[in-house]
Amino acid sequence: MNDASITIHLDEFDDVLGDTVDDLVRRHGEEIATHLRSFLIGIATVEVVTSTGRRLEWRC
């Protein structure tokens, strides 16, 4: 079993176009993970960390 992982820190996206990081992750988080899975073969876990410290994780 592959246990490689990647963590994405989204702090730089705070309040982009009036959205908070949590808003962006809520709407686009699964899409982010899906795109990463298609490009980063061998990555088993994608974790998104928002500026508020919230952690969201997807198992690939």
C-alpha atoms as a PDB file:
ATOM      1  CA  MET A   1       0.000   0.000   0.000  1.00  0.00           C
ATOM      2  CA  ASN A   2       1.320   3.431  -0.924  1.00  0.00           C
ATOM      3  CA  ASP A   3       1.237   5.907   1.947  1.00  0.00           C
ATOM      4  CA  ALA A   4       2.730   8.924   0.161  1.00  0.00           C
ATOM      5  CA  SER A   5       0.884  12.161   0.759  1.00  0.00           C
ATOM      6  CA  ILE A   6       0.808  15.806  -0.215  1.00  0.00           C
ATOM      7  CA  THR A   7      -0.378  18.791   1.807  1.00  0.00           C
ATOM      8  CA  ILE A   8      -1.677  21.957   0.171  1.00  0.00           C
ATOM      9  CA  HIS A   9      -1.628  25.175   2.193  1.00  0.00           C
ATOM     10  CA  LEU A  10      -4.214  27.592   0.836  1.00  0.00           C
ATOM     11  CA  ASP A  11      -3.353  30.643   2.950  1.00  0.00           C
ATOM     12  CA  GLU A  12      -2.545  32.734  -0.120  1.00  0.00           C
ATOM     13  CA  PHE A  13      -6.125  32.373  -1.362  1.00  0.00           C
ATOM     14  CA  ASP A  14      -7.718  34.210   1.575  1.00  0.00           C
ATOM     15  CA  ASP A  15     -10.583  36.424   0.489  1.00  0.00           C
ATOM     16  CA  VAL A  16      -9.996  35.998  -3.240  1.00  0.00           C
ATOM     17  CA  LEU A  17     -12.946  37.636  -4.983  1.00  0.00           C
ATOM     18  CA  GLY A  18     -14.704  37.902  -1.618  1.00  0.00           C
ATOM     19  CA  ASP A  19     -14.369  34.185  -0.885  1.00  0.00           C
ATOM     20  CA  THR A  20     -12.754  32.846   2.233  1.00  0.00           C
ATOM     21  CA  VAL A  21     -10.417  29.875   2.071  1.00  0.00           C
ATOM     22  CA  ASP A  22     -13.109  27.681   3.597  1.00  0.00           C
ATOM     23  CA  ASP A  23     -15.538  28.785   0.860  1.00  0.00           C
ATOM     24  CA  LEU A  24     -13.030  27.869  -1.841  1.00  0.00           C
ATOM     25  CA  VAL A  25     -12.262  24.496  -0.291  1.00  0.00           C
ATOM     26  CA  ARG A  26     -15.934  23.735   0.264  1.00  0.00           C
ATOM     27  CA  ARG A  27     -16.711  24.423  -3.402  1.00  0.00           C
ATOM     28  CA  HIS A  28     -13.506  23.268  -5.073  1.00  0.00           C
ATOM     29  CA  GLY A  29     -11.735  20.936  -2.658  1.00  0.00           C
ATOM     30  CA  GLU A  30     -12.789  17.696  -4.324  1.00  0.00           C
ATOM     31  CA  GLU A  31     -11.884  19.150  -7.713  1.00  0.00           C
ATOM     32  CA  ILE A  32      -8.425  20.066  -6.378  1.00  0.00           C
ATOM     33  CA  ALA A  33      -7.933  16.528  -5.104  1.00  0.00           C
ATOM     34  CA  THR A  34      -9.194  14.989  -8.355  1.00  0.00           C
ATOM     35  CA  HIS A  35      -6.769  17.017 -10.474  1.00  0.00           C
ATOM     36  CA  LEU A  36      -3.870  16.195  -8.176  1.00  0.00           C
ATOM     37  CA  ARG A  37      -4.661  12.490  -8.340  1.00  0.00           C
ATOM     38  CA  SER A  38      -4.531  12.632 -12.130  1.00  0.00           C
ATOM     39  CA  PHE A  39      -1.107  14.317 -12.164  1.00  0.00           C
ATOM     40  CA  LEU A  40       0.634  12.941  -9.092  1.00  0.00           C
ATOM     41  CA  ILE A  41       0.632   9.188  -9.543  1.00  0.00           C
ATOM     42  CA  GLY A  42       1.640   7.424  -6.352  1.00  0.00           C
ATOM     43  CA  ILE A  43       0.168  10.016  -4.003  1.00  0.00           C
ATOM     44  CA  ALA A  44      -2.181   8.247  -1.634  1.00  0.00           C
ATOM     45  CA  THR A  45      -3.471  11.152   0.431  1.00  0.00           C
ATOM     46  CA  VAL A  46      -4.253  14.757  -0.468  1.00  0.00           C
ATOM     47  CA  GLU A  47      -4.668  17.086   2.489  1.00  0.00           C
ATOM     48  CA  VAL A  48      -5.828  20.692   2.205  1.00  0.00           C
ATOM     49  CA  VAL A  49      -5.035  23.035   5.091  1.00  0.00           C
ATOM     50  CA  THR A  50      -6.935  26.317   5.239  1.00  0.00           C
ATOM     51  CA  SER A  51      -5.711  29.535   6.829  1.00  0.00           C
ATOM     52  CA  THR A  52      -7.931  28.833   9.820  1.00  0.00           C
ATOM     53  CA  GLY A  53      -6.102  25.556  10.416  1.00  0.00           C
ATOM     54  CA  ARG A  54      -8.961  23.414   9.139  1.00  0.00           C
ATOM     55  CA  ARG A  55      -7.689  20.184   7.595  1.00  0.00           C
ATOM     56  CA  LEU A  56      -9.563  18.333   4.870  1.00  0.00           C
ATOM     57  CA  GLU A  57      -8.229  15.022   3.621  1.00  0.00           C
ATOM     58  CA  TRP A  58      -8.987  12.814   0.630  1.00  0.00           C
ATOM     59  CA  ARG A  59      -7.785   9.253   0.231  1.00  0.00           C
ATOM     60  CA  CYS A  60      -6.822   8.572  -3.364  1.00  0.00           C
END
